[in-house]
Amino acid sequence: PSPLLRRRQTVPRKLLLLIDVSGSM
């Protein structure tokens, strides 16, 4: 039959937030 194909997925990167909760902020 016609060849069956696959491709690698494209996915969003992770998001990492580091929040300063000290008195100056």
PDB file of all heavy atoms in Angstrom:
ATOM      1  N   PRO A   1       0.833  -1.204   0.000  1.00  0.00           N
ATOM      2  CA  PRO A   1       0.000   0.000   0.000  1.00  0.00           C
ATOM      3  C   PRO A   1       0.866   1.251   0.000  1.00  0.00           C
ATOM      4  O   PRO A   1       2.092   1.181  -0.059  1.00  0.00           O
ATOM      5  CB  PRO A   1      -0.765  -0.132   1.316  1.00  0.00           C
ATOM      6  CG  PRO A   1       0.211  -0.839   2.216  1.00  0.00           C
ATOM      7  CD  PRO A   1       0.994  -1.778   1.332  1.00  0.00           C
ATOM      8  N   SER A   2       0.224   2.382   0.077  1.00  0.00           N
ATOM      9  CA  SER A   2       0.982   3.639   0.220  1.00  0.00           C
ATOM     10  C   SER A   2       1.709   3.625   1.556  1.00  0.00           C
ATOM     11  O   SER A   2       1.183   3.127   2.564  1.00  0.00           O
ATOM     12  CB  SER A   2       0.035   4.840   0.165  1.00  0.00           C
ATOM     13  OG  SER A   2      -0.640   4.882  -1.065  1.00  0.00           O
ATOM     14  N   PRO A   3       2.922   4.139   1.616  1.00  0.00           N
ATOM     15  CA  PRO A   3       3.689   4.101   2.878  1.00  0.00           C
ATOM     16  C   PRO A   3       2.996   4.922   3.963  1.00  0.00           C
ATOM     17  O   PRO A   3       2.405   5.970   3.697  1.00  0.00           O
ATOM     18  CB  PRO A   3       5.032   4.715   2.485  1.00  0.00           C
ATOM     19  CG  PRO A   3       4.749   5.539   1.277  1.00  0.00           C
ATOM     20  CD  PRO A   3       3.658   4.823   0.545  1.00  0.00           C
ATOM     21  N   LEU A   4       3.065   4.412   5.176  1.00  0.00           N
ATOM     22  CA  LEU A   4       2.506   5.111   6.332  1.00  0.00           C
ATOM     23  C   LEU A   4       3.621   5.881   7.032  1.00  0.00           C
ATOM     24  O   LEU A   4       4.717   5.341   7.263  1.00  0.00           O
ATOM     25  CB  LEU A   4       1.861   4.110   7.290  1.00  0.00           C
ATOM     26  CG  LEU A   4       0.739   3.258   6.666  1.00  0.00           C
ATOM     27  CD1 LEU A   4       0.227   2.249   7.681  1.00  0.00           C
ATOM     28  CD2 LEU A   4      -0.392   4.148   6.178  1.00  0.00           C
ATOM     29  N   LEU A   5       3.338   7.115   7.383  1.00  0.00           N
ATOM     30  CA  LEU A   5       4.368   8.010   7.896  1.00  0.00           C
ATOM     31  C   LEU A   5       4.042   8.469   9.310  1.00  0.00           C
ATOM     32  O   LEU A   5       2.895   8.526   9.714  1.00  0.00           O
ATOM     33  CB  LEU A   5       4.509   9.234   6.984  1.00  0.00           C
ATOM     34  CG  LEU A   5       4.754   8.962   5.492  1.00  0.00           C
ATOM     35  CD1 LEU A   5       4.791  10.271   4.720  1.00  0.00           C
ATOM     36  CD2 LEU A   5       6.059   8.185   5.301  1.00  0.00           C
ATOM     37  N   ARG A   6       5.089   8.828  10.032  1.00  0.00           N
ATOM     38  CA  ARG A   6       4.960   9.417  11.366  1.00  0.00           C
ATOM     39  C   ARG A   6       5.933  10.586  11.478  1.00  0.00           C
ATOM     40  O   ARG A   6       6.960  10.628  10.804  1.00  0.00           O
ATOM     41  CB  ARG A   6       5.254   8.402  12.474  1.00  0.00           C
ATOM     42  CG  ARG A   6       4.302   7.236  12.516  1.00  0.00           C
ATOM     43  CD  ARG A   6       4.550   6.351  13.725  1.00  0.00           C
ATOM     44  NE  ARG A   6       4.106   6.967  14.966  1.00  0.00           N
ATOM     45  CZ  ARG A   6       2.859   6.882  15.427  1.00  0.00           C
ATOM     46  NH1 ARG A   6       1.945   6.210  14.758  1.00  0.00           N
ATOM     47  NH2 ARG A   6       2.517   7.448  16.567  1.00  0.00           N
ATOM     48  N   ARG A   7       5.593  11.521  12.340  1.00  0.00           N
ATOM     49  CA  ARG A   7       6.505  12.637  12.621  1.00  0.00           C
ATOM     50  C   ARG A   7       6.512  12.908  14.121  1.00  0.00           C
ATOM     51  O   ARG A   7       5.580  12.558  14.845  1.00  0.00           O
ATOM     52  CB  ARG A   7       6.072  13.901  11.892  1.00  0.00           C
ATOM     53  CG  ARG A   7       4.705  14.411  12.282  1.00  0.00           C
ATOM     54  CD  ARG A   7       4.403  15.758  11.634  1.00  0.00           C
ATOM     55  NE  ARG A   7       3.055  16.191  11.969  1.00  0.00           N
ATOM     56  CZ  ARG A   7       2.716  16.787  13.110  1.00  0.00           C
ATOM     57  NH1 ARG A   7       3.635  17.004  14.037  1.00  0.00           N
ATOM     58  NH2 ARG A   7       1.460  17.159  13.337  1.00  0.00           N
ATOM     59  N   ARG A   8       7.594  13.527  14.595  1.00  0.00           N
ATOM     60  CA  ARG A   8       7.701  13.862  16.008  1.00  0.00           C
ATOM     61  C   ARG A   8       6.771  15.017  16.354  1.00  0.00           C
ATOM     62  O   ARG A   8       6.633  15.969  15.598  1.00  0.00           O
ATOM     63  CB  ARG A   8       9.145  14.213  16.362  1.00  0.00           C
ATOM     64  CG  ARG A   8      10.052  13.002  16.362  1.00  0.00           C
ATOM     65  CD  ARG A   8      11.505  13.363  16.505  1.00  0.00           C
ATOM     66  NE  ARG A   8      11.793  14.007  17.789  1.00  0.00           N
ATOM     67  CZ  ARG A   8      13.010  14.373  18.172  1.00  0.00           C
ATOM     68  NH1 ARG A   8      14.039  14.166  17.359  1.00  0.00           N
ATOM     69  NH2 ARG A   8      13.203  14.950  19.337  1.00  0.00           N
ATOM     70  N   GLN A   9       6.132  14.926  17.503  1.00  0.00           N
ATOM     71  CA  GLN A   9       5.217  15.969  17.952  1.00  0.00           C
ATOM     72  C   GLN A   9       5.977  17.240  18.335  1.00  0.00           C
ATOM     73  O   GLN A   9       7.140  17.191  18.749  1.00  0.00           O
ATOM     74  CB  GLN A   9       4.427  15.508  19.168  1.00  0.00           C
ATOM     75  CG  GLN A   9       3.318  14.524  18.889  1.00  0.00           C
ATOM     76  CD  GLN A   9       2.582  14.175  20.165  1.00  0.00           C
ATOM     77  OE1 GLN A   9       3.187  13.672  21.099  1.00  0.00           O
ATOM     78  NE2 GLN A   9       1.295  14.431  20.202  1.00  0.00           N
ATOM     79  N   THR A  10       5.316  18.355  18.192  1.00  0.00           N
ATOM     80  CA  THR A  10       5.819  19.623  18.713  1.00  0.00           C
ATOM     81  C   THR A  10       4.967  20.002  19.915  1.00  0.00           C
ATOM     82  O   THR A  10       3.745  20.116  19.813  1.00  0.00           O
ATOM     83  CB  THR A  10       5.745  20.725  17.649  1.00  0.00           C
ATOM     84  OG1 THR A  10       6.547  20.339  16.520  1.00  0.00           O
ATOM     85  CG2 THR A  10       6.262  22.043  18.195  1.00  0.00           C
ATOM     86  N   VAL A  11       5.620  20.191  21.073  1.00  0.00           N
ATOM     87  CA  VAL A  11       4.888  20.462  22.312  1.00  0.00           C
ATOM     88  C   VAL A  11       5.445  21.734  22.950  1.00  0.00           C
ATOM     89  O   VAL A  11       6.616  22.088  22.758  1.00  0.00           O
ATOM     90  CB  VAL A  11       5.010  19.283  23.302  1.00  0.00           C
ATOM     91  CG1 VAL A  11       4.370  18.034  22.733  1.00  0.00           C
ATOM     92  CG2 VAL A  11       6.472  19.010  23.649  1.00  0.00           C
ATOM     93  N   PRO A  12       4.611  22.457  23.706  1.00  0.00           N
ATOM     94  CA  PRO A  12       5.107  23.656  24.407  1.00  0.00           C
ATOM     95  C   PRO A  12       6.127  23.278  25.475  1.00  0.00           C
ATOM     96  O   PRO A  12       6.035  22.231  26.107  1.00  0.00           O
ATOM     97  CB  PRO A  12       3.841  24.265  25.027  1.00  0.00           C
ATOM     98  CG  PRO A  12       2.694  23.606  24.342  1.00  0.00           C
ATOM     99  CD  PRO A  12       3.163  22.258  23.919  1.00  0.00           C
ATOM    100  N   ARG A  13       7.089  24.142  25.680  1.00  0.00           N
ATOM    101  CA  ARG A  13       8.056  23.935  26.750  1.00  0.00           C
ATOM    102  C   ARG A  13       7.426  24.211  28.112  1.00  0.00           C
ATOM    103  O   ARG A  13       6.405  24.882  28.214  1.00  0.00           O
ATOM    104  CB  ARG A  13       9.279  24.840  26.551  1.00  0.00           C
ATOM    105  CG  ARG A  13      10.156  24.429  25.369  1.00  0.00           C
ATOM    106  CD  ARG A  13      11.415  25.252  25.299  1.00  0.00           C
ATOM    107  NE  ARG A  13      12.270  24.812  24.207  1.00  0.00           N
ATOM    108  CZ  ARG A  13      13.174  23.856  24.308  1.00  0.00           C
ATOM    109  NH1 ARG A  13      13.358  23.249  25.474  1.00  0.00           N
ATOM    110  NH2 ARG A  13      13.913  23.509  23.271  1.00  0.00           N
ATOM    111  N   LYS A  14       8.054  23.697  29.140  1.00  0.00           N
ATOM    112  CA  LYS A  14       7.590  23.953  30.503  1.00  0.00           C
ATOM    113  C   LYS A  14       7.834  25.418  30.878  1.00  0.00           C
ATOM    114  O   LYS A  14       8.760  26.055  30.366  1.00  0.00           O
ATOM    115  CB  LYS A  14       8.320  23.048  31.497  1.00  0.00           C
ATOM    116  CG  LYS A  14       8.003  21.573  31.354  1.00  0.00           C
ATOM    117  CD  LYS A  14       8.846  20.732  32.282  1.00  0.00           C
ATOM    118  CE  LYS A  14      10.292  20.675  31.820  1.00  0.00           C
ATOM    119  NZ  LYS A  14      11.103  19.719  32.599  1.00  0.00           N
ATOM    120  N   LEU A  15       7.009  25.907  31.780  1.00  0.00           N
ATOM    121  CA  LEU A  15       7.162  27.257  32.320  1.00  0.00           C
ATOM    122  C   LEU A  15       7.384  27.133  33.820  1.00  0.00           C
ATOM    123  O   LEU A  15       6.586  26.512  34.533  1.00  0.00           O
ATOM    124  CB  LEU A  15       5.914  28.096  32.034  1.00  0.00           C
ATOM    125  CG  LEU A  15       5.913  29.528  32.583  1.00  0.00           C
ATOM    126  CD1 LEU A  15       7.011  30.359  31.921  1.00  0.00           C
ATOM    127  CD2 LEU A  15       4.551  30.182  32.384  1.00  0.00           C
ATOM    128  N   LEU A  16       8.473  27.722  34.306  1.00  0.00           N
ATOM    129  CA  LEU A  16       8.816  27.666  35.730  1.00  0.00           C
ATOM    130  C   LEU A  16       8.915  29.085  36.268  1.00  0.00           C
ATOM    131  O   LEU A  16       9.717  29.880  35.769  1.00  0.00           O
ATOM    132  CB  LEU A  16      10.140  26.924  35.931  1.00  0.00           C
ATOM    133  CG  LEU A  16      10.749  26.952  37.330  1.00  0.00           C
ATOM    134  CD1 LEU A  16       9.833  26.271  38.341  1.00  0.00           C
ATOM    135  CD2 LEU A  16      12.129  26.280  37.334  1.00  0.00           C
ATOM    136  N   LEU A  17       8.078  29.411  37.263  1.00  0.00           N
ATOM    137  CA  LEU A  17       8.109  30.724  37.906  1.00  0.00           C
ATOM    138  C   LEU A  17       8.632  30.567  39.325  1.00  0.00           C
ATOM    139  O   LEU A  17       8.118  29.750  40.107  1.00  0.00           O
ATOM    140  CB  LEU A  17       6.711  31.348  37.950  1.00  0.00           C
ATOM    141  CG  LEU A  17       6.011  31.615  36.611  1.00  0.00           C
ATOM    142  CD1 LEU A  17       4.676  32.311  36.850  1.00  0.00           C
ATOM    143  CD2 LEU A  17       6.879  32.459  35.694  1.00  0.00           C
ATOM    144  N   LEU A  18       9.649  31.352  39.678  1.00  0.00           N
ATOM    145  CA  LEU A  18      10.213  31.389  41.020  1.00  0.00           C
ATOM    146  C   LEU A  18       9.935  32.775  41.587  1.00  0.00           C
ATOM    147  O   LEU A  18      10.485  33.767  41.098  1.00  0.00           O
ATOM    148  CB  LEU A  18      11.713  31.099  40.986  1.00  0.00           C
ATOM    149  CG  LEU A  18      12.105  29.727  40.419  1.00  0.00           C
ATOM    150  CD1 LEU A  18      13.586  29.676  40.082  1.00  0.00           C
ATOM    151  CD2 LEU A  18      11.760  28.625  41.412  1.00  0.00           C
ATOM    152  N   ILE A  19       9.070  32.853  42.598  1.00  0.00           N
ATOM    153  CA  ILE A  19       8.544  34.129  43.074  1.00  0.00           C
ATOM    154  C   ILE A  19       9.157  34.485  44.425  1.00  0.00           C
ATOM    155  O   ILE A  19       9.055  33.717  45.391  1.00  0.00           O
ATOM    156  CB  ILE A  19       7.009  34.070  43.204  1.00  0.00           C
ATOM    157  CG1 ILE A  19       6.383  33.706  41.853  1.00  0.00           C
ATOM    158  CG2 ILE A  19       6.453  35.395  43.713  1.00  0.00           C
ATOM    159  CD1 ILE A  19       4.883  33.500  41.920  1.00  0.00           C
ATOM    160  N   ASP A  20       9.779  35.653  44.483  1.00  0.00           N
ATOM    161  CA  ASP A  20      10.360  36.176  45.713  1.00  0.00           C
ATOM    162  C   ASP A  20       9.244  36.752  46.587  1.00  0.00           C
ATOM    163  O   ASP A  20       8.524  37.664  46.161  1.00  0.00           O
ATOM    164  CB  ASP A  20      11.376  37.270  45.351  1.00  0.00           C
ATOM    165  CG  ASP A  20      12.155  37.772  46.552  1.00  0.00           C
ATOM    166  OD1 ASP A  20      11.747  37.504  47.697  1.00  0.00           O
ATOM    167  OD2 ASP A  20      13.175  38.469  46.343  1.00  0.00           O
ATOM    168  N   VAL A  21       9.085  36.224  47.814  1.00  0.00           N
ATOM    169  CA  VAL A  21       8.034  36.704  48.716  1.00  0.00           C
ATOM    170  C   VAL A  21       8.629  37.398  49.938  1.00  0.00           C
ATOM    171  O   VAL A  21       7.983  37.495  50.985  1.00  0.00           O
ATOM    172  CB  VAL A  21       7.116  35.546  49.160  1.00  0.00           C
ATOM    173  CG1 VAL A  21       6.360  34.974  47.986  1.00  0.00           C
ATOM    174  CG2 VAL A  21       7.916  34.440  49.871  1.00  0.00           C
ATOM    175  N   SER A  22       9.838  37.927  49.806  1.00  0.00           N
ATOM    176  CA  SER A  22      10.479  38.623  50.919  1.00  0.00           C
ATOM    177  C   SER A  22       9.834  39.992  51.126  1.00  0.00           C
ATOM    178  O   SER A  22       9.017  40.456  50.318  1.00  0.00           O
ATOM    179  CB  SER A  22      11.976  38.765  50.661  1.00  0.00           C
ATOM    180  OG  SER A  22      12.208  39.550  49.500  1.00  0.00           O
ATOM    181  N   GLY A  23      10.227  40.671  52.208  1.00  0.00           N
ATOM    182  CA  GLY A  23       9.628  41.950  52.549  1.00  0.00           C
ATOM    183  C   GLY A  23       9.823  43.018  51.492  1.00  0.00           C
ATOM    184  O   GLY A  23       8.940  43.856  51.279  1.00  0.00           O
ATOM    185  N   SER A  24      10.951  43.000  50.790  1.00  0.00           N
ATOM    186  CA  SER A  24      11.206  44.028  49.772  1.00  0.00           C
ATOM    187  C   SER A  24      10.310  43.881  48.550  1.00  0.00           C
ATOM    188  O   SER A  24      10.205  44.801  47.744  1.00  0.00           O
ATOM    189  CB  SER A  24      12.675  43.975  49.339  1.00  0.00           C
ATOM    190  OG  SER A  24      12.982  42.718  48.752  1.00  0.00           O
ATOM    191  N   MET A  25       9.645  42.722  48.410  1.00  0.00           N
ATOM    192  CA  MET A  25       8.765  42.475  47.264  1.00  0.00           C
ATOM    193  C   MET A  25       7.293  42.516  47.658  1.00  0.00           C
ATOM    194  O   MET A  25       6.427  42.117  46.876  1.00  0.00           O
ATOM    195  CB  MET A  25       9.097  41.107  46.665  1.00  0.00           C
ATOM    196  CG  MET A  25      10.496  41.000  46.094  1.00  0.00           C
ATOM    197  SD  MET A  25      10.716  42.043  44.638  1.00  0.00           S
ATOM    198  CE  MET A  25       9.633  41.212  43.490  1.00  0.00           C
TER     199      MET A  25
END
